[in-house]
Amino acid sequence: MTIWLWAAISYLVGAIPTSYLAARYGAGINLREHGSKNLGATNVYRVLGWKYAIPVGLVDVAKGVVPVAAFAPLAGIQPWVPVLFGVAAVVGHVYSVFVGFKGGKGVATAAGAVLALSPAALGMAAVVWVLVLAATGYVSAASMLGAVFFPVAVRLTSPENPYILGLGIALAAFILVTHRSNIRRLATGQENRFGRRVREARWKSR
């Protein structure tokens, strides 16, 4: 198969609407009508708890890992091919053809792609994510700052690979764009803190 056909397959893998399917067929609800109405693992956790959120998050990460780690070696040896497939998977997750091109915000699938490309840099960005989440309680802020820090981590750990650095910069910008509604809520003090939202969701479900 050609590189571009593999890229299309990578998009389709990324486009699998994990959270929507889990909520619809596991709990019998339309996730778009609950919580933040976003098709991501964070909203699954808010609405349905860890039982659903953990497998959804792991599958979303795998959607980024598989195109980079499994498809790229089959498609060619060019160093930009894994980066292309990772980007295709993230775009698929955010703009999924299966749910009207309105998917999640791309953080978990992007994490999977960069895990396969630069695990050391991802580890450093993950530390930033955890610290920001612990300090603020905002998953959105943690995701954005972790994404912004990732290119810095790539520059420190893999300075010889301009393709991964370019991917890091592009993903950081992309994740900021997908979180623009969160940025507005953070600016106005209306963003939900992670723990507080879970307690409210559980209380309302009783």
N, C-alpha and C. Protein backbone atom coordinates (compact mmCIF):
# COMPACT_ATOMS: atom_id res chain seq x y z
N MET A 1 0.84 -1.20 0.00
CA MET A 1 0.00 0.00 0.00
C MET A 1 0.87 1.25 0.00
N THR A 2 0.31 2.32 -0.52
CA THR A 2 1.05 3.57 -0.56
C THR A 2 1.03 4.25 0.81
N ILE A 3 1.95 5.19 0.98
CA ILE A 3 2.02 5.94 2.23
C ILE A 3 0.70 6.65 2.50
N TRP A 4 0.09 7.21 1.46
CA TRP A 4 -1.13 7.99 1.67
C TRP A 4 -2.33 7.12 2.00
N LEU A 5 -2.33 5.89 1.52
CA LEU A 5 -3.39 4.96 1.90
C LEU A 5 -3.23 4.58 3.37
N TRP A 6 -1.98 4.36 3.79
CA TRP A 6 -1.73 4.08 5.20
C TRP A 6 -2.12 5.29 6.06
N ALA A 7 -1.87 6.49 5.56
CA ALA A 7 -2.27 7.70 6.29
C ALA A 7 -3.78 7.75 6.45
N ALA A 8 -4.51 7.36 5.41
CA ALA A 8 -5.98 7.35 5.49
C ALA A 8 -6.45 6.32 6.51
N ILE A 9 -5.78 5.17 6.53
CA ILE A 9 -6.13 4.15 7.53
C ILE A 9 -5.82 4.66 8.94
N SER A 10 -4.71 5.38 9.07
CA SER A 10 -4.37 5.97 10.37
C SER A 10 -5.45 6.93 10.83
N TYR A 11 -5.96 7.73 9.89
CA TYR A 11 -7.06 8.64 10.21
C TYR A 11 -8.27 7.86 10.70
N LEU A 12 -8.62 6.79 10.01
CA LEU A 12 -9.80 6.01 10.38
C LEU A 12 -9.64 5.34 11.74
N VAL A 13 -8.43 4.89 12.05
CA VAL A 13 -8.16 4.33 13.38
C VAL A 13 -8.36 5.40 14.44
N GLY A 14 -7.79 6.59 14.20
CA GLY A 14 -7.97 7.68 15.13
C GLY A 14 -9.41 8.12 15.26
N ALA A 15 -10.18 7.94 14.20
CA ALA A 15 -11.57 8.41 14.17
C ALA A 15 -12.54 7.51 14.92
N ILE A 16 -12.09 6.32 15.33
CA ILE A 16 -12.99 5.43 16.08
C ILE A 16 -13.48 6.17 17.32
N PRO A 17 -14.79 6.42 17.46
CA PRO A 17 -15.31 7.25 18.56
C PRO A 17 -15.45 6.45 19.85
N THR A 18 -14.33 6.17 20.49
CA THR A 18 -14.30 5.27 21.64
C THR A 18 -15.28 5.68 22.73
N SER A 19 -15.22 6.94 23.13
CA SER A 19 -16.06 7.39 24.24
C SER A 19 -17.55 7.33 23.87
N TYR A 20 -17.88 7.70 22.65
CA TYR A 20 -19.27 7.66 22.22
C TYR A 20 -19.80 6.22 22.25
N LEU A 21 -19.00 5.29 21.72
CA LEU A 21 -19.42 3.89 21.68
C LEU A 21 -19.55 3.31 23.08
N ALA A 22 -18.59 3.62 23.96
CA ALA A 22 -18.64 3.09 25.32
C ALA A 22 -19.87 3.59 26.07
N ALA A 23 -20.17 4.88 25.92
CA ALA A 23 -21.32 5.45 26.60
C ALA A 23 -22.63 4.94 25.99
N ARG A 24 -22.68 4.84 24.68
CA ARG A 24 -23.91 4.43 24.00
C ARG A 24 -24.24 2.96 24.27
N TYR A 25 -23.24 2.09 24.09
CA TYR A 25 -23.52 0.66 24.18
C TYR A 25 -23.20 0.07 25.55
N GLY A 26 -22.42 0.80 26.35
CA GLY A 26 -22.13 0.31 27.69
C GLY A 26 -23.08 0.85 28.73
N ALA A 27 -23.48 2.13 28.58
CA ALA A 27 -24.35 2.75 29.58
C ALA A 27 -25.68 3.21 29.00
N GLY A 28 -25.86 3.11 27.70
CA GLY A 28 -27.13 3.47 27.09
C GLY A 28 -27.41 4.96 27.06
N ILE A 29 -26.36 5.79 27.01
CA ILE A 29 -26.56 7.24 26.97
C ILE A 29 -25.78 7.84 25.80
N ASN A 30 -26.22 9.02 25.40
CA ASN A 30 -25.51 9.80 24.40
C ASN A 30 -24.60 10.77 25.13
N LEU A 31 -23.31 10.56 25.06
CA LEU A 31 -22.37 11.37 25.82
C LEU A 31 -22.45 12.84 25.45
N ARG A 32 -22.92 13.15 24.25
CA ARG A 32 -23.05 14.54 23.83
C ARG A 32 -24.12 15.30 24.62
N GLU A 33 -24.92 14.57 25.39
CA GLU A 33 -25.99 15.21 26.15
C GLU A 33 -25.68 15.28 27.64
N HIS A 34 -24.45 14.92 28.02
CA HIS A 34 -24.11 14.86 29.44
C HIS A 34 -22.75 15.50 29.70
N GLY A 35 -22.58 15.97 30.93
CA GLY A 35 -21.30 16.56 31.33
C GLY A 35 -20.94 17.75 30.46
N SER A 36 -19.70 17.75 29.98
CA SER A 36 -19.24 18.84 29.11
C SER A 36 -19.69 18.62 27.67
N LYS A 37 -20.30 17.45 27.41
CA LYS A 37 -20.78 17.06 26.08
C LYS A 37 -19.65 16.78 25.10
N ASN A 38 -18.44 16.68 25.61
CA ASN A 38 -17.28 16.40 24.78
C ASN A 38 -17.05 14.90 24.69
N LEU A 39 -16.61 14.42 23.53
CA LEU A 39 -16.35 13.00 23.35
C LEU A 39 -14.90 12.67 23.69
N GLY A 40 -14.59 12.78 24.97
CA GLY A 40 -13.24 12.48 25.44
C GLY A 40 -13.29 11.71 26.74
N ALA A 41 -12.15 11.13 27.13
CA ALA A 41 -12.10 10.30 28.33
C ALA A 41 -12.39 11.11 29.60
N THR A 42 -12.03 12.39 29.62
CA THR A 42 -12.31 13.21 30.80
C THR A 42 -13.81 13.33 31.03
N ASN A 43 -14.56 13.55 29.98
CA ASN A 43 -16.01 13.65 30.14
C ASN A 43 -16.62 12.30 30.48
N VAL A 44 -16.05 11.23 29.95
CA VAL A 44 -16.51 9.89 30.33
C VAL A 44 -16.34 9.70 31.84
N TYR A 45 -15.20 10.14 32.37
CA TYR A 45 -14.97 10.03 33.80
C TYR A 45 -15.98 10.86 34.60
N ARG A 46 -16.23 12.08 34.14
CA ARG A 46 -17.19 12.94 34.84
C ARG A 46 -18.58 12.31 34.90
N VAL A 47 -18.98 11.68 33.82
CA VAL A 47 -20.34 11.18 33.70
C VAL A 47 -20.48 9.74 34.21
N LEU A 48 -19.51 8.88 33.87
CA LEU A 48 -19.66 7.45 34.13
C LEU A 48 -18.63 6.87 35.09
N GLY A 49 -17.58 7.64 35.42
CA GLY A 49 -16.61 7.16 36.39
C GLY A 49 -15.45 6.40 35.77
N TRP A 50 -14.56 5.93 36.65
CA TRP A 50 -13.33 5.27 36.21
C TRP A 50 -13.58 3.98 35.43
N LYS A 51 -14.66 3.27 35.77
CA LYS A 51 -14.94 1.99 35.12
C LYS A 51 -14.97 2.12 33.61
N TYR A 52 -15.48 3.24 33.13
CA TYR A 52 -15.55 3.49 31.70
C TYR A 52 -14.36 4.33 31.22
N ALA A 53 -13.93 5.28 32.04
CA ALA A 53 -12.92 6.23 31.59
C ALA A 53 -11.57 5.58 31.34
N ILE A 54 -11.17 4.64 32.19
CA ILE A 54 -9.85 4.02 32.02
C ILE A 54 -9.74 3.27 30.69
N PRO A 55 -10.68 2.34 30.38
CA PRO A 55 -10.55 1.66 29.07
C PRO A 55 -10.69 2.61 27.89
N VAL A 56 -11.57 3.61 28.00
CA VAL A 56 -11.70 4.59 26.92
C VAL A 56 -10.39 5.33 26.71
N GLY A 57 -9.78 5.79 27.80
CA GLY A 57 -8.51 6.50 27.70
C GLY A 57 -7.41 5.64 27.11
N LEU A 58 -7.34 4.38 27.52
CA LEU A 58 -6.30 3.48 27.00
C LEU A 58 -6.49 3.23 25.50
N VAL A 59 -7.72 3.05 25.07
CA VAL A 59 -7.97 2.84 23.65
C VAL A 59 -7.63 4.10 22.86
N ASP A 60 -7.98 5.27 23.42
CA ASP A 60 -7.64 6.52 22.73
C ASP A 60 -6.14 6.69 22.59
N VAL A 61 -5.38 6.31 23.62
CA VAL A 61 -3.92 6.34 23.52
C VAL A 61 -3.44 5.36 22.45
N ALA A 62 -4.01 4.16 22.46
CA ALA A 62 -3.62 3.14 21.47
C ALA A 62 -3.88 3.60 20.05
N LYS A 63 -4.91 4.42 19.85
CA LYS A 63 -5.21 4.93 18.50
C LYS A 63 -4.07 5.80 17.97
N GLY A 64 -3.27 6.37 18.87
CA GLY A 64 -2.10 7.12 18.44
C GLY A 64 -0.87 6.25 18.31
N VAL A 65 -0.76 5.24 19.17
CA VAL A 65 0.42 4.36 19.15
C VAL A 65 0.44 3.50 17.89
N VAL A 66 -0.67 2.87 17.57
CA VAL A 66 -0.71 1.86 16.50
C VAL A 66 -0.28 2.42 15.14
N PRO A 67 -0.81 3.57 14.68
CA PRO A 67 -0.35 4.07 13.38
C PRO A 67 1.14 4.35 13.33
N VAL A 68 1.70 4.88 14.44
CA VAL A 68 3.12 5.22 14.46
C VAL A 68 3.99 3.97 14.57
N ALA A 69 3.64 3.08 15.49
CA ALA A 69 4.49 1.93 15.78
C ALA A 69 4.26 0.75 14.85
N ALA A 70 3.03 0.58 14.36
CA ALA A 70 2.72 -0.60 13.55
C ALA A 70 2.60 -0.30 12.07
N PHE A 71 1.96 0.82 11.72
CA PHE A 71 1.75 1.11 10.29
C PHE A 71 2.99 1.70 9.63
N ALA A 72 3.68 2.60 10.32
CA ALA A 72 4.81 3.30 9.71
C ALA A 72 5.91 2.35 9.23
N PRO A 73 6.30 1.31 10.00
CA PRO A 73 7.33 0.39 9.48
C PRO A 73 6.91 -0.34 8.21
N LEU A 74 5.60 -0.47 8.00
CA LEU A 74 5.12 -1.15 6.80
C LEU A 74 5.05 -0.22 5.59
N ALA A 75 5.04 1.08 5.85
CA ALA A 75 4.79 2.05 4.79
C ALA A 75 6.06 2.60 4.15
N GLY A 76 7.16 2.63 4.88
CA GLY A 76 8.38 3.19 4.32
C GLY A 76 9.36 3.57 5.39
N ILE A 77 10.56 3.92 4.98
CA ILE A 77 11.62 4.22 5.94
C ILE A 77 11.87 5.72 6.10
N GLN A 78 11.13 6.53 5.39
CA GLN A 78 11.32 7.98 5.50
C GLN A 78 11.01 8.42 6.93
N PRO A 79 11.84 9.28 7.51
CA PRO A 79 11.66 9.66 8.92
C PRO A 79 10.40 10.46 9.20
N TRP A 80 9.80 11.04 8.16
CA TRP A 80 8.59 11.83 8.38
C TRP A 80 7.32 10.99 8.35
N VAL A 81 7.42 9.73 7.92
CA VAL A 81 6.22 8.89 7.80
C VAL A 81 5.54 8.64 9.15
N PRO A 82 6.27 8.25 10.21
CA PRO A 82 5.59 8.06 11.50
C PRO A 82 4.92 9.33 11.99
N VAL A 83 5.55 10.47 11.75
CA VAL A 83 4.96 11.75 12.16
C VAL A 83 3.65 11.99 11.42
N LEU A 84 3.66 11.74 10.12
CA LEU A 84 2.44 11.91 9.31
C LEU A 84 1.32 11.04 9.84
N PHE A 85 1.61 9.79 10.14
CA PHE A 85 0.57 8.87 10.60
C PHE A 85 0.06 9.28 11.98
N GLY A 86 0.95 9.77 12.84
CA GLY A 86 0.52 10.25 14.14
C GLY A 86 -0.42 11.43 14.01
N VAL A 87 -0.07 12.37 13.13
CA VAL A 87 -0.94 13.53 12.90
C VAL A 87 -2.29 13.08 12.35
N ALA A 88 -2.28 12.13 11.42
CA ALA A 88 -3.53 11.64 10.83
C ALA A 88 -4.44 11.04 11.90
N ALA A 89 -3.86 10.30 12.84
CA ALA A 89 -4.65 9.69 13.91
C ALA A 89 -5.26 10.75 14.82
N VAL A 90 -4.49 11.77 15.16
CA VAL A 90 -5.00 12.84 16.03
C VAL A 90 -6.12 13.60 15.32
N VAL A 91 -5.92 13.92 14.05
CA VAL A 91 -6.97 14.61 13.28
C VAL A 91 -8.23 13.75 13.22
N GLY A 92 -8.04 12.44 13.07
CA GLY A 92 -9.18 11.54 13.05
C GLY A 92 -9.94 11.56 14.36
N HIS A 93 -9.23 11.59 15.46
CA HIS A 93 -9.88 11.62 16.77
C HIS A 93 -10.69 12.91 16.95
N VAL A 94 -10.12 14.03 16.56
CA VAL A 94 -10.78 15.33 16.76
C VAL A 94 -11.89 15.55 15.74
N TYR A 95 -11.65 15.16 14.50
CA TYR A 95 -12.63 15.36 13.43
C TYR A 95 -13.04 13.98 12.88
N SER A 96 -13.74 13.23 13.72
CA SER A 96 -14.10 11.87 13.36
C SER A 96 -15.24 11.83 12.35
N VAL A 97 -15.01 11.13 11.26
CA VAL A 97 -16.03 10.98 10.22
C VAL A 97 -17.23 10.21 10.74
N PHE A 98 -17.04 9.43 11.81
CA PHE A 98 -18.11 8.58 12.32
C PHE A 98 -19.10 9.32 13.22
N VAL A 99 -18.75 10.50 13.69
CA VAL A 99 -19.64 11.26 14.58
C VAL A 99 -19.78 12.71 14.11
N GLY A 100 -19.93 12.86 12.82
CA GLY A 100 -20.17 14.19 12.27
C GLY A 100 -18.99 15.13 12.36
N PHE A 101 -17.77 14.60 12.37
CA PHE A 101 -16.54 15.38 12.43
C PHE A 101 -16.44 16.20 13.72
N LYS A 102 -17.08 15.70 14.79
CA LYS A 102 -17.00 16.36 16.10
C LYS A 102 -16.61 15.33 17.14
N GLY A 103 -15.31 15.11 17.30
CA GLY A 103 -14.83 14.11 18.23
C GLY A 103 -14.33 14.72 19.52
N GLY A 104 -13.23 14.16 20.05
CA GLY A 104 -12.64 14.66 21.28
C GLY A 104 -11.66 15.78 21.01
N LYS A 105 -10.82 16.08 22.00
CA LYS A 105 -9.89 17.20 21.86
C LYS A 105 -8.46 16.76 21.54
N GLY A 106 -8.24 15.48 21.40
CA GLY A 106 -6.99 15.00 20.83
C GLY A 106 -5.85 14.73 21.79
N VAL A 107 -6.04 14.97 23.08
CA VAL A 107 -4.90 14.87 24.00
C VAL A 107 -4.42 13.44 24.15
N ALA A 108 -5.34 12.49 24.41
CA ALA A 108 -4.92 11.11 24.64
C ALA A 108 -4.32 10.48 23.39
N THR A 109 -4.93 10.73 22.23
CA THR A 109 -4.40 10.16 20.99
C THR A 109 -3.06 10.80 20.63
N ALA A 110 -2.92 12.09 20.87
CA ALA A 110 -1.63 12.75 20.65
C ALA A 110 -0.58 12.17 21.58
N ALA A 111 -0.97 11.90 22.83
CA ALA A 111 -0.03 11.30 23.78
C ALA A 111 0.42 9.93 23.29
N GLY A 112 -0.50 9.16 22.71
CA GLY A 112 -0.12 7.86 22.17
C GLY A 112 0.86 7.97 21.02
N ALA A 113 0.61 8.93 20.13
CA ALA A 113 1.52 9.12 19.00
C ALA A 113 2.91 9.50 19.46
N VAL A 114 3.00 10.45 20.38
CA VAL A 114 4.33 10.89 20.81
C VAL A 114 4.97 9.87 21.74
N LEU A 115 4.16 9.02 22.40
CA LEU A 115 4.73 7.92 23.19
C LEU A 115 5.55 7.01 22.29
N ALA A 116 5.01 6.74 21.10
CA ALA A 116 5.73 5.88 20.15
C ALA A 116 6.91 6.60 19.51
N LEU A 117 6.84 7.92 19.39
CA LEU A 117 7.88 8.69 18.72
C LEU A 117 9.00 9.13 19.67
N SER A 118 8.64 9.60 20.85
CA SER A 118 9.63 10.16 21.77
C SER A 118 9.16 9.97 23.21
N PRO A 119 9.30 8.75 23.73
CA PRO A 119 8.78 8.47 25.08
C PRO A 119 9.43 9.31 26.17
N ALA A 120 10.71 9.65 26.02
CA ALA A 120 11.37 10.47 27.05
C ALA A 120 10.75 11.86 27.13
N ALA A 121 10.52 12.46 25.97
CA ALA A 121 9.90 13.79 25.94
C ALA A 121 8.49 13.74 26.48
N LEU A 122 7.75 12.68 26.14
CA LEU A 122 6.39 12.54 26.66
C LEU A 122 6.42 12.41 28.18
N GLY A 123 7.40 11.66 28.71
CA GLY A 123 7.50 11.52 30.15
C GLY A 123 7.70 12.85 30.84
N MET A 124 8.53 13.71 30.26
CA MET A 124 8.75 15.04 30.83
C MET A 124 7.48 15.88 30.76
N ALA A 125 6.78 15.81 29.63
CA ALA A 125 5.53 16.56 29.49
C ALA A 125 4.47 16.03 30.45
N ALA A 126 4.50 14.71 30.70
CA ALA A 126 3.53 14.11 31.62
C ALA A 126 3.74 14.62 33.05
N VAL A 127 5.00 14.84 33.42
CA VAL A 127 5.29 15.40 34.75
C VAL A 127 4.65 16.79 34.87
N VAL A 128 4.80 17.60 33.82
CA VAL A 128 4.16 18.93 33.82
C VAL A 128 2.65 18.79 33.95
N TRP A 129 2.07 17.85 33.21
CA TRP A 129 0.63 17.62 33.26
C TRP A 129 0.17 17.31 34.68
N VAL A 130 0.87 16.38 35.32
CA VAL A 130 0.49 15.98 36.68
C VAL A 130 0.63 17.13 37.66
N LEU A 131 1.72 17.89 37.56
CA LEU A 131 1.95 19.01 38.48
C LEU A 131 0.89 20.09 38.32
N VAL A 132 0.54 20.41 37.07
CA VAL A 132 -0.47 21.44 36.84
C VAL A 132 -1.83 20.96 37.32
N LEU A 133 -2.17 19.70 37.05
CA LEU A 133 -3.45 19.18 37.51
C LEU A 133 -3.53 19.18 39.03
N ALA A 134 -2.45 18.77 39.69
CA ALA A 134 -2.43 18.75 41.15
C ALA A 134 -2.54 20.16 41.73
N ALA A 135 -1.93 21.12 41.06
CA ALA A 135 -1.92 22.49 41.59
C ALA A 135 -3.23 23.22 41.32
N THR A 136 -3.88 22.93 40.19
CA THR A 136 -5.06 23.71 39.79
C THR A 136 -6.36 22.94 39.81
N GLY A 137 -6.29 21.63 39.58
CA GLY A 137 -7.51 20.85 39.45
C GLY A 137 -8.15 20.92 38.08
N TYR A 138 -7.51 21.61 37.14
CA TYR A 138 -8.07 21.77 35.79
C TYR A 138 -7.38 20.83 34.82
N VAL A 139 -8.11 19.85 34.30
CA VAL A 139 -7.54 18.96 33.30
C VAL A 139 -7.18 19.73 32.05
N SER A 140 -8.01 20.68 31.67
CA SER A 140 -7.76 21.45 30.45
C SER A 140 -6.45 22.23 30.55
N ALA A 141 -6.22 22.88 31.69
CA ALA A 141 -4.99 23.63 31.87
C ALA A 141 -3.79 22.70 31.85
N ALA A 142 -3.92 21.55 32.51
CA ALA A 142 -2.82 20.57 32.53
C ALA A 142 -2.52 20.08 31.12
N SER A 143 -3.57 19.81 30.34
CA SER A 143 -3.37 19.31 28.98
C SER A 143 -2.70 20.34 28.09
N MET A 144 -3.13 21.59 28.20
CA MET A 144 -2.55 22.64 27.36
C MET A 144 -1.10 22.91 27.73
N LEU A 145 -0.81 23.02 29.02
CA LEU A 145 0.57 23.31 29.42
C LEU A 145 1.49 22.13 29.15
N GLY A 146 0.97 20.92 29.33
CA GLY A 146 1.77 19.74 28.98
C GLY A 146 2.08 19.70 27.50
N ALA A 147 1.09 20.05 26.67
CA ALA A 147 1.30 20.07 25.22
C ALA A 147 2.30 21.15 24.82
N VAL A 148 2.20 22.32 25.45
CA VAL A 148 3.12 23.42 25.13
C VAL A 148 4.55 23.07 25.55
N PHE A 149 4.69 22.33 26.65
CA PHE A 149 6.02 21.96 27.12
C PHE A 149 6.64 20.85 26.27
N PHE A 150 5.81 20.05 25.60
CA PHE A 150 6.34 18.90 24.86
C PHE A 150 7.41 19.27 23.84
N PRO A 151 7.24 20.31 23.01
CA PRO A 151 8.32 20.66 22.07
C PRO A 151 9.63 21.01 22.78
N VAL A 152 9.51 21.64 23.95
CA VAL A 152 10.72 21.94 24.73
C VAL A 152 11.40 20.65 25.14
N ALA A 153 10.58 19.67 25.58
CA ALA A 153 11.14 18.38 25.98
C ALA A 153 11.78 17.66 24.80
N VAL A 154 11.16 17.77 23.62
CA VAL A 154 11.76 17.17 22.42
C VAL A 154 13.10 17.81 22.11
N ARG A 155 13.16 19.11 22.24
CA ARG A 155 14.41 19.83 21.95
C ARG A 155 15.51 19.39 22.90
N LEU A 156 15.13 19.04 24.14
CA LEU A 156 16.12 18.61 25.14
C LEU A 156 16.54 17.16 24.94
N THR A 157 15.60 16.32 24.50
CA THR A 157 15.88 14.88 24.44
C THR A 157 16.22 14.37 23.04
N SER A 158 15.67 15.00 22.00
CA SER A 158 15.90 14.53 20.62
C SER A 158 16.19 15.71 19.70
N PRO A 159 17.24 16.47 19.97
CA PRO A 159 17.51 17.66 19.15
C PRO A 159 17.86 17.34 17.71
N GLU A 160 18.20 16.08 17.43
CA GLU A 160 18.62 15.71 16.08
C GLU A 160 17.45 15.38 15.17
N ASN A 161 16.22 15.37 15.71
CA ASN A 161 15.06 14.97 14.90
C ASN A 161 14.11 16.14 14.69
N PRO A 162 14.26 16.86 13.58
CA PRO A 162 13.40 18.03 13.35
C PRO A 162 11.94 17.67 13.10
N TYR A 163 11.68 16.44 12.64
CA TYR A 163 10.31 16.06 12.35
C TYR A 163 9.48 15.94 13.64
N ILE A 164 10.07 15.34 14.66
CA ILE A 164 9.34 15.20 15.93
C ILE A 164 9.17 16.58 16.58
N LEU A 165 10.19 17.42 16.47
CA LEU A 165 10.07 18.78 17.01
C LEU A 165 8.95 19.53 16.29
N GLY A 166 8.90 19.41 14.98
CA GLY A 166 7.83 20.05 14.23
C GLY A 166 6.47 19.52 14.63
N LEU A 167 6.39 18.19 14.83
CA LEU A 167 5.14 17.59 15.28
C LEU A 167 4.74 18.16 16.64
N GLY A 168 5.71 18.27 17.54
CA GLY A 168 5.41 18.79 18.87
C GLY A 168 4.84 20.19 18.82
N ILE A 169 5.43 21.03 18.01
CA ILE A 169 4.94 22.41 17.87
C ILE A 169 3.54 22.43 17.27
N ALA A 170 3.34 21.60 16.22
CA ALA A 170 2.03 21.55 15.57
C ALA A 170 0.96 21.03 16.51
N LEU A 171 1.29 19.97 17.28
CA LEU A 171 0.31 19.41 18.20
C LEU A 171 -0.02 20.40 19.32
N ALA A 172 0.99 21.11 19.81
CA ALA A 172 0.74 22.10 20.86
C ALA A 172 -0.24 23.15 20.36
N ALA A 173 -0.01 23.65 19.15
CA ALA A 173 -0.92 24.65 18.59
C ALA A 173 -2.31 24.07 18.37
N PHE A 174 -2.37 22.84 17.88
CA PHE A 174 -3.64 22.19 17.59
C PHE A 174 -4.45 21.98 18.87
N ILE A 175 -3.77 21.54 19.94
CA ILE A 175 -4.47 21.29 21.20
C ILE A 175 -4.94 22.60 21.82
N LEU A 176 -4.18 23.66 21.66
CA LEU A 176 -4.65 24.98 22.13
C LEU A 176 -5.92 25.38 21.38
N VAL A 177 -5.95 25.11 20.08
CA VAL A 177 -7.14 25.45 19.29
C VAL A 177 -8.34 24.63 19.73
N THR A 178 -8.15 23.32 19.95
CA THR A 178 -9.28 22.48 20.35
C THR A 178 -9.76 22.80 21.77
N HIS A 179 -8.92 23.49 22.56
CA HIS A 179 -9.30 23.86 23.92
C HIS A 179 -9.72 25.33 24.04
N ARG A 180 -10.05 25.96 22.93
CA ARG A 180 -10.35 27.40 23.02
C ARG A 180 -11.57 27.69 23.89
N SER A 181 -12.57 26.78 23.90
CA SER A 181 -13.71 27.01 24.79
C SER A 181 -13.29 26.88 26.25
N ASN A 182 -12.35 25.98 26.53
CA ASN A 182 -11.84 25.85 27.90
C ASN A 182 -11.08 27.10 28.31
N ILE A 183 -10.33 27.67 27.36
CA ILE A 183 -9.58 28.89 27.66
C ILE A 183 -10.54 30.01 28.04
N ARG A 184 -11.66 30.11 27.32
CA ARG A 184 -12.65 31.14 27.65
C ARG A 184 -13.23 30.91 29.05
N ARG A 185 -13.52 29.65 29.38
CA ARG A 185 -14.09 29.36 30.70
C ARG A 185 -13.06 29.59 31.80
N LEU A 186 -11.81 29.27 31.53
CA LEU A 186 -10.76 29.54 32.52
C LEU A 186 -10.63 31.04 32.77
N ALA A 187 -10.72 31.82 31.70
CA ALA A 187 -10.58 33.27 31.83
C ALA A 187 -11.72 33.89 32.61
N THR A 188 -12.91 33.27 32.55
CA THR A 188 -14.07 33.83 33.24
C THR A 188 -14.38 33.11 34.55
N GLY A 189 -13.54 32.14 34.93
CA GLY A 189 -13.75 31.42 36.17
C GLY A 189 -14.88 30.41 36.13
N GLN A 190 -15.26 29.95 34.93
CA GLN A 190 -16.38 29.03 34.79
C GLN A 190 -15.95 27.60 34.48
N GLU A 191 -14.67 27.37 34.38
CA GLU A 191 -14.19 26.01 34.08
C GLU A 191 -14.38 25.12 35.29
N ASN A 192 -14.83 23.88 35.04
CA ASN A 192 -15.05 22.92 36.13
C ASN A 192 -13.73 22.31 36.58
N ARG A 193 -13.53 22.27 37.88
CA ARG A 193 -12.38 21.54 38.41
C ARG A 193 -12.71 20.05 38.37
N PHE A 194 -11.69 19.25 38.17
CA PHE A 194 -11.87 17.83 37.91
C PHE A 194 -12.63 17.12 39.04
N GLY A 195 -12.15 17.20 40.27
CA GLY A 195 -12.77 16.49 41.37
C GLY A 195 -14.15 16.98 41.70
N ARG A 196 -14.35 18.28 41.69
CA ARG A 196 -15.65 18.85 42.03
C ARG A 196 -16.72 18.40 41.05
N ARG A 197 -16.38 18.38 39.78
CA ARG A 197 -17.34 17.98 38.75
C ARG A 197 -17.76 16.53 38.93
N VAL A 198 -16.82 15.66 39.31
CA VAL A 198 -17.13 14.25 39.50
C VAL A 198 -18.14 14.08 40.62
N ARG A 199 -17.93 14.79 41.72
CA ARG A 199 -18.84 14.66 42.85
C ARG A 199 -20.24 15.12 42.47
N GLU A 200 -20.33 16.22 41.71
CA GLU A 200 -21.64 16.72 41.30
C GLU A 200 -22.32 15.71 40.39
N ALA A 201 -21.57 15.12 39.46
CA ALA A 201 -22.15 14.16 38.51
C ALA A 201 -22.68 12.94 39.25
N ARG A 202 -21.90 12.47 40.25
CA ARG A 202 -22.35 11.30 40.99
C ARG A 202 -23.59 11.61 41.81
N TRP A 203 -23.64 12.80 42.40
CA TRP A 203 -24.80 13.16 43.20
C TRP A 203 -26.04 13.24 42.33
N LYS A 204 -25.89 13.81 41.13
CA LYS A 204 -27.05 13.96 40.26
C LYS A 204 -27.55 12.62 39.73
N SER A 205 -26.65 11.62 39.69
CA SER A 205 -27.05 10.33 39.13
C SER A 205 -27.81 9.47 40.12
N ARG A 206 -27.87 9.91 41.40
CA ARG A 206 -28.56 9.11 42.41
C ARG A 206 -30.09 9.21 42.26
